[in-house]
Amino acid sequence: MRNFDTLLSEIRSCRICEDNLPCGPRPVIQASSTAKILIVGQAPGIRVHETGIPFNDPSGDRLREWMGIDREQFYDERKIALVPMGFCYPGTGKTGDLPPRPECADIWRDEIMEHLKNVELTLIIGGYAINWHLKGQKKRTLTETVKCYHEYGDHIMVLPHPSPRNNIWLKKNPWFQTEIIPELNGRVRKILISDKN
């Protein structure tokens, strides 16, 4: 297994999907072997592609709000790893951003996960992340999977995508705000507080 710094450097310089990326490759990842929280999204959006900063958009603002943390805490790679299913912006289709390129998970994901031994909580966001990380344990729908968070233990929480496009889902499912968000806040706070001691 490669040294983690070497692995991250190789990921950041990856050009495997170059011919399939309309804006060109710009792998975006934040990770350290000391991270206690792992956030698994889908793939960077155009704004993240432009800045090179993960979740540097309205989705990120909402996710940080859900977690009850600020930008400084969120971007502390010693505590929080941001490892999407696809590292580069895949482009846009008829209904929004295209799916993450599958090559990222196929080539890099197992080895990355081997280095993230200190993770105590994984936040899984979106269908591709659910399929990879829950490996057949997901429910029939995203809503059911999110609602049954307690079945996955203290170390996993499944979330809907924090994109403003999901405002209708959030309005239809008020239990998410009243039940899931406080649980998420509590778990995140407990990990980050214990990390200070």
C-alpha atoms as a PDB file:
ATOM      1  CA  MET A   1       0.000   0.000   0.000  1.00  0.00           C
ATOM      2  CA  ARG A   2       1.287   3.453  -0.895  1.00  0.00           C
ATOM      3  CA  ASN A   3       2.113   6.127   1.649  1.00  0.00           C
ATOM      4  CA  PHE A   4      -1.042   8.263   2.077  1.00  0.00           C
ATOM      5  CA  ASP A   5       0.652  11.509   1.007  1.00  0.00           C
ATOM      6  CA  THR A   6       1.890   9.767  -2.131  1.00  0.00           C
ATOM      7  CA  LEU A   7      -1.574   8.375  -2.833  1.00  0.00           C
ATOM      8  CA  LEU A   8      -3.219  11.792  -2.402  1.00  0.00           C
ATOM      9  CA  SER A   9      -0.622  13.386  -4.662  1.00  0.00           C
ATOM     10  CA  GLU A  10      -1.296  10.782  -7.359  1.00  0.00           C
ATOM     11  CA  ILE A  11      -5.062  11.334  -7.058  1.00  0.00           C
ATOM     12  CA  ARG A  12      -4.663  15.114  -7.357  1.00  0.00           C
ATOM     13  CA  SER A  13      -2.582  14.685 -10.515  1.00  0.00           C
ATOM     14  CA  CYS A  14      -4.850  11.982 -12.036  1.00  0.00           C
ATOM     15  CA  ARG A  15      -5.791  12.459 -15.702  1.00  0.00           C
ATOM     16  CA  ILE A  16      -7.406   9.068 -16.411  1.00  0.00           C
ATOM     17  CA  CYS A  17     -10.831  10.517 -17.342  1.00  0.00           C
ATOM     18  CA  GLU A  18      -9.477  13.593 -19.101  1.00  0.00           C
ATOM     19  CA  ASP A  19     -11.157  12.821 -22.437  1.00  0.00           C
ATOM     20  CA  ASN A  20     -14.561  12.476 -20.738  1.00  0.00           C
ATOM     21  CA  LEU A  21     -14.486  15.675 -18.651  1.00  0.00           C
ATOM     22  CA  PRO A  22     -15.897  18.745 -20.417  1.00  0.00           C
ATOM     23  CA  CYS A  23     -14.015  21.163 -18.146  1.00  0.00           C
ATOM     24  CA  GLY A  24     -10.896  19.034 -17.863  1.00  0.00           C
ATOM     25  CA  PRO A  25      -9.570  17.201 -14.810  1.00  0.00           C
ATOM     26  CA  ARG A  26      -9.267  18.904 -11.432  1.00  0.00           C
ATOM     27  CA  PRO A  27      -9.470  16.221  -8.728  1.00  0.00           C
ATOM     28  CA  VAL A  28     -10.794  17.603  -5.445  1.00  0.00           C
ATOM     29  CA  ILE A  29     -10.199  15.703  -2.198  1.00  0.00           C
ATOM     30  CA  GLN A  30      -9.479  16.562   1.432  1.00  0.00           C
ATOM     31  CA  ALA A  31      -8.127  13.779   3.607  1.00  0.00           C
ATOM     32  CA  SER A  32      -5.732  12.861   6.384  1.00  0.00           C
ATOM     33  CA  SER A  33      -5.145   9.593   8.202  1.00  0.00           C
ATOM     34  CA  THR A  34      -6.104  11.378  11.447  1.00  0.00           C
ATOM     35  CA  ALA A  35      -9.615  12.328  10.243  1.00  0.00           C
ATOM     36  CA  LYS A  36     -12.449  11.281  12.567  1.00  0.00           C
ATOM     37  CA  ILE A  37     -15.344  12.193  10.238  1.00  0.00           C
ATOM     38  CA  LEU A  38     -15.609  11.089   6.600  1.00  0.00           C
ATOM     39  CA  ILE A  39     -18.014  12.864   4.253  1.00  0.00           C
ATOM     40  CA  VAL A  40     -18.789  10.981   1.052  1.00  0.00           C
ATOM     41  CA  GLY A  41     -20.526  13.032  -1.629  1.00  0.00           C
ATOM     42  CA  GLN A  42     -21.122  12.384  -5.306  1.00  0.00           C
ATOM     43  CA  ALA A  43     -18.732  14.554  -7.352  1.00  0.00           C
ATOM     44  CA  PRO A  44     -17.695  18.228  -7.400  1.00  0.00           C
ATOM     45  CA  GLY A  45     -20.046  20.749  -8.975  1.00  0.00           C
ATOM     46  CA  ILE A  46     -18.877  23.503 -11.298  1.00  0.00           C
ATOM     47  CA  ARG A  47     -18.228  25.989  -8.475  1.00  0.00           C
ATOM     48  CA  VAL A  48     -16.080  23.461  -6.624  1.00  0.00           C
ATOM     49  CA  HIS A  49     -14.269  22.689  -9.887  1.00  0.00           C
ATOM     50  CA  GLU A  50     -13.527  26.391 -10.344  1.00  0.00           C
ATOM     51  CA  THR A  51     -12.214  26.946  -6.806  1.00  0.00           C
ATOM     52  CA  GLY A  52     -10.725  23.541  -6.023  1.00  0.00           C
ATOM     53  CA  ILE A  53     -12.389  23.677  -2.590  1.00  0.00           C
ATOM     54  CA  PRO A  54     -14.827  20.839  -1.760  1.00  0.00           C
ATOM     55  CA  PHE A  55     -18.389  21.814  -0.845  1.00  0.00           C
ATOM     56  CA  ASN A  56     -17.554  25.470  -1.509  1.00  0.00           C
ATOM     57  CA  ASP A  57     -21.114  26.225  -2.595  1.00  0.00           C
ATOM     58  CA  PRO A  58     -24.677  26.523  -1.203  1.00  0.00           C
ATOM     59  CA  SER A  59     -24.762  22.731  -0.706  1.00  0.00           C
ATOM     60  CA  GLY A  60     -21.703  23.016   1.511  1.00  0.00           C
ATOM     61  CA  ASP A  61     -23.245  25.886   3.477  1.00  0.00           C
ATOM     62  CA  ARG A  62     -26.292  23.755   4.199  1.00  0.00           C
ATOM     63  CA  LEU A  63     -24.228  20.678   5.052  1.00  0.00           C
ATOM     64  CA  ARG A  64     -22.151  22.669   7.552  1.00  0.00           C
ATOM     65  CA  GLU A  65     -25.379  23.992   9.056  1.00  0.00           C
ATOM     66  CA  TRP A  66     -26.743  20.445   9.356  1.00  0.00           C
ATOM     67  CA  MET A  67     -23.523  19.355  11.070  1.00  0.00           C
ATOM     68  CA  GLY A  68     -23.473  22.373  13.369  1.00  0.00           C
ATOM     69  CA  ILE A  69     -19.919  23.405  12.451  1.00  0.00           C
ATOM     70  CA  ASP A  70     -18.226  26.358  10.769  1.00  0.00           C
ATOM     71  CA  ARG A  71     -15.975  26.519   7.715  1.00  0.00           C
ATOM     72  CA  GLU A  72     -12.793  26.409   9.786  1.00  0.00           C
ATOM     73  CA  GLN A  73     -13.813  23.121  11.413  1.00  0.00           C
ATOM     74  CA  PHE A  74     -15.146  21.718   8.141  1.00  0.00           C
ATOM     75  CA  TYR A  75     -11.915  22.349   6.255  1.00  0.00           C
ATOM     76  CA  ASP A  76      -9.621  20.987   8.968  1.00  0.00           C
ATOM     77  CA  GLU A  77      -8.350  17.893   7.159  1.00  0.00           C
ATOM     78  CA  ARG A  78      -6.913  16.512  10.402  1.00  0.00           C
ATOM     79  CA  LYS A  79     -10.510  16.038  11.596  1.00  0.00           C
ATOM     80  CA  ILE A  80     -12.738  15.850   8.514  1.00  0.00           C
ATOM     81  CA  ALA A  81     -12.082  13.952   5.286  1.00  0.00           C
ATOM     82  CA  LEU A  82     -14.041  14.958   2.169  1.00  0.00           C
ATOM     83  CA  VAL A  83     -13.801  12.063  -0.272  1.00  0.00           C
ATOM     84  CA  PRO A  84     -16.453  12.116  -3.018  1.00  0.00           C
ATOM     85  CA  MET A  85     -17.234   9.134  -5.215  1.00  0.00           C
ATOM     86  CA  GLY A  86     -15.823  11.044  -8.177  1.00  0.00           C
ATOM     87  CA  PHE A  87     -13.012  13.582  -7.740  1.00  0.00           C
ATOM     88  CA  CYS A  88     -13.626  15.682 -10.863  1.00  0.00           C
ATOM     89  CA  TYR A  89     -16.601  17.679 -12.101  1.00  0.00           C
ATOM     90  CA  PRO A  90     -18.320  15.289 -14.557  1.00  0.00           C
ATOM     91  CA  GLY A  91     -20.254  17.925 -16.515  1.00  0.00           C
ATOM     92  CA  THR A  92     -23.954  18.642 -16.826  1.00  0.00           C
ATOM     93  CA  GLY A  93     -26.750  16.554 -18.318  1.00  0.00           C
ATOM     94  CA  LYS A  94     -30.423  17.287 -19.013  1.00  0.00           C
ATOM     95  CA  THR A  95     -31.491  17.155 -15.355  1.00  0.00           C
ATOM     96  CA  GLY A  96     -28.360  18.415 -13.571  1.00  0.00           C
ATOM     97  CA  ASP A  97     -24.795  17.286 -13.039  1.00  0.00           C
ATOM     98  CA  LEU A  98     -23.811  13.962 -14.566  1.00  0.00           C
ATOM     99  CA  PRO A  99     -23.005  10.973 -12.303  1.00  0.00           C
ATOM    100  CA  PRO A 100     -19.504  10.699 -10.856  1.00  0.00           C
ATOM    101  CA  ARG A 101     -17.047   8.983 -13.168  1.00  0.00           C
ATOM    102  CA  PRO A 102     -16.832   5.306 -12.084  1.00  0.00           C
ATOM    103  CA  GLU A 103     -13.062   5.148 -12.581  1.00  0.00           C
ATOM    104  CA  CYS A 104     -12.420   7.022  -9.317  1.00  0.00           C
ATOM    105  CA  ALA A 105     -14.063   4.400  -7.124  1.00  0.00           C
ATOM    106  CA  ASP A 106     -12.645   1.529  -9.169  1.00  0.00           C
ATOM    107  CA  ILE A 107      -9.069   2.788  -9.035  1.00  0.00           C
ATOM    108  CA  TRP A 108      -8.704   4.724  -5.777  1.00  0.00           C
ATOM    109  CA  ARG A 109     -11.449   4.106  -3.229  1.00  0.00           C
ATOM    110  CA  ASP A 110     -10.381   0.850  -1.557  1.00  0.00           C
ATOM    111  CA  GLU A 111      -6.874   2.152  -0.960  1.00  0.00           C
ATOM    112  CA  ILE A 112      -8.127   5.481   0.407  1.00  0.00           C
ATOM    113  CA  MET A 113     -10.406   3.693   2.849  1.00  0.00           C
ATOM    114  CA  GLU A 114      -7.459   1.594   4.053  1.00  0.00           C
ATOM    115  CA  HIS A 115      -5.758   4.797   5.203  1.00  0.00           C
ATOM    116  CA  LEU A 116      -8.822   6.223   6.988  1.00  0.00           C
ATOM    117  CA  LYS A 117      -8.589   3.956  10.038  1.00  0.00           C
ATOM    118  CA  ASN A 118      -9.504   6.661  12.593  1.00  0.00           C
ATOM    119  CA  VAL A 119     -12.903   7.534  11.112  1.00  0.00           C
ATOM    120  CA  GLU A 120     -15.660   7.317  13.718  1.00  0.00           C
ATOM    121  CA  LEU A 121     -18.524   8.704  11.632  1.00  0.00           C
ATOM    122  CA  THR A 122     -19.200   8.458   7.891  1.00  0.00           C
ATOM    123  CA  LEU A 123     -21.780  10.756   6.319  1.00  0.00           C
ATOM    124  CA  ILE A 124     -23.058   9.177   3.093  1.00  0.00           C
ATOM    125  CA  ILE A 125     -24.671  11.579   0.636  1.00  0.00           C
ATOM    126  CA  GLY A 126     -26.400  10.485  -2.560  1.00  0.00           C
ATOM    127  CA  GLY A 127     -27.186   7.261  -4.376  1.00  0.00           C
ATOM    128  CA  TYR A 128     -23.704   6.422  -5.700  1.00  0.00           C
ATOM    129  CA  ALA A 129     -22.182   6.872  -2.247  1.00  0.00           C
ATOM    130  CA  ILE A 130     -24.968   4.798  -0.688  1.00  0.00           C
ATOM    131  CA  ASN A 131     -24.495   1.969  -3.185  1.00  0.00           C
ATOM    132  CA  TRP A 132     -20.744   1.773  -2.552  1.00  0.00           C
ATOM    133  CA  HIS A 133     -20.652   2.255   1.209  1.00  0.00           C
ATOM    134  CA  LEU A 134     -23.776   0.364   2.267  1.00  0.00           C
ATOM    135  CA  LYS A 135     -23.139  -2.518  -0.137  1.00  0.00           C
ATOM    136  CA  GLY A 136     -26.681  -3.905  -0.315  1.00  0.00           C
ATOM    137  CA  GLN A 137     -27.882  -2.659   3.088  1.00  0.00           C
ATOM    138  CA  LYS A 138     -29.828   0.288   1.714  1.00  0.00           C
ATOM    139  CA  LYS A 139     -33.609   0.410   1.847  1.00  0.00           C
ATOM    140  CA  ARG A 140     -35.969   0.626  -1.107  1.00  0.00           C
ATOM    141  CA  THR A 141     -35.784   4.443  -1.302  1.00  0.00           C
ATOM    142  CA  LEU A 142     -33.442   7.209  -0.191  1.00  0.00           C
ATOM    143  CA  THR A 143     -36.115   8.435   2.215  1.00  0.00           C
ATOM    144  CA  GLU A 144     -36.357   5.052   3.920  1.00  0.00           C
ATOM    145  CA  THR A 145     -32.577   4.721   4.046  1.00  0.00           C
ATOM    146  CA  VAL A 146     -32.199   8.137   5.694  1.00  0.00           C
ATOM    147  CA  LYS A 147     -35.042   7.436   8.116  1.00  0.00           C
ATOM    148  CA  CYS A 148     -33.545   4.111   9.246  1.00  0.00           C
ATOM    149  CA  TYR A 149     -30.219   5.684  10.266  1.00  0.00           C
ATOM    150  CA  HIS A 150     -30.270   3.843  13.612  1.00  0.00           C
ATOM    151  CA  GLU A 151     -29.957   0.499  11.805  1.00  0.00           C
ATOM    152  CA  TYR A 152     -26.474   1.428  10.569  1.00  0.00           C
ATOM    153  CA  GLY A 153     -25.010   1.999  14.049  1.00  0.00           C
ATOM    154  CA  ASP A 154     -23.308   5.063  15.467  1.00  0.00           C
ATOM    155  CA  HIS A 155     -20.666   5.194  12.751  1.00  0.00           C
ATOM    156  CA  ILE A 156     -22.861   5.856   9.673  1.00  0.00           C
ATOM    157  CA  MET A 157     -25.514   8.411   8.765  1.00  0.00           C
ATOM    158  CA  VAL A 158     -27.156   8.656   5.360  1.00  0.00           C
ATOM    159  CA  LEU A 159     -28.217  12.135   4.257  1.00  0.00           C
ATOM    160  CA  PRO A 160     -30.116  13.562   1.307  1.00  0.00           C
ATOM    161  CA  HIS A 161     -28.025  15.830  -0.837  1.00  0.00           C
ATOM    162  CA  PRO A 162     -27.917  19.296   0.786  1.00  0.00           C
ATOM    163  CA  SER A 163     -28.444  20.973  -2.592  1.00  0.00           C
ATOM    164  CA  PRO A 164     -31.166  23.642  -2.833  1.00  0.00           C
ATOM    165  CA  ARG A 165     -32.679  21.307  -5.464  1.00  0.00           C
ATOM    166  CA  ASN A 166     -33.781  19.125  -2.546  1.00  0.00           C
ATOM    167  CA  ASN A 167     -35.892  21.826  -0.879  1.00  0.00           C
ATOM    168  CA  ILE A 168     -39.085  20.033  -1.938  1.00  0.00           C
ATOM    169  CA  TRP A 169     -37.871  16.766  -0.359  1.00  0.00           C
ATOM    170  CA  LEU A 170     -37.016  18.602   2.862  1.00  0.00           C
ATOM    171  CA  LYS A 171     -40.492  20.188   2.988  1.00  0.00           C
ATOM    172  CA  LYS A 172     -42.149  16.819   2.423  1.00  0.00           C
ATOM    173  CA  ASN A 173     -40.067  15.202   5.178  1.00  0.00           C
ATOM    174  CA  PRO A 174     -40.088  17.533   8.219  1.00  0.00           C
ATOM    175  CA  TRP A 175     -38.890  14.651  10.422  1.00  0.00           C
ATOM    176  CA  PHE A 176     -35.461  15.127   8.866  1.00  0.00           C
ATOM    177  CA  GLN A 177     -35.111  18.542  10.517  1.00  0.00           C
ATOM    178  CA  THR A 178     -36.623  17.520  13.847  1.00  0.00           C
ATOM    179  CA  GLU A 179     -35.053  14.066  14.248  1.00  0.00           C
ATOM    180  CA  ILE A 180     -32.038  13.558  11.994  1.00  0.00           C
ATOM    181  CA  ILE A 181     -30.378  16.988  12.292  1.00  0.00           C
ATOM    182  CA  PRO A 182     -30.233  16.942  16.125  1.00  0.00           C
ATOM    183  CA  GLU A 183     -28.850  13.389  15.991  1.00  0.00           C
ATOM    184  CA  LEU A 184     -26.250  14.433  13.422  1.00  0.00           C
ATOM    185  CA  ASN A 185     -25.305  17.512  15.481  1.00  0.00           C
ATOM    186  CA  GLY A 186     -24.876  15.390  18.571  1.00  0.00           C
ATOM    187  CA  ARG A 187     -22.671  12.809  16.897  1.00  0.00           C
ATOM    188  CA  VAL A 188     -20.468  15.422  15.223  1.00  0.00           C
ATOM    189  CA  ARG A 189     -20.126  17.478  18.410  1.00  0.00           C
ATOM    190  CA  LYS A 190     -19.218  14.407  20.476  1.00  0.00           C
ATOM    191  CA  ILE A 191     -16.448  13.418  18.052  1.00  0.00           C
ATOM    192  CA  LEU A 192     -14.991  16.889  17.655  1.00  0.00           C
ATOM    193  CA  ILE A 193     -15.086  17.616  21.391  1.00  0.00           C
ATOM    194  CA  SER A 194     -13.418  14.313  22.255  1.00  0.00           C
ATOM    195  CA  ASP A 195     -10.802  15.076  19.584  1.00  0.00           C
ATOM    196  CA  LYS A 196      -9.779  18.222  21.484  1.00  0.00           C
ATOM    197  CA  ASN A 197      -9.028  16.298  24.684  1.00  0.00           C
END
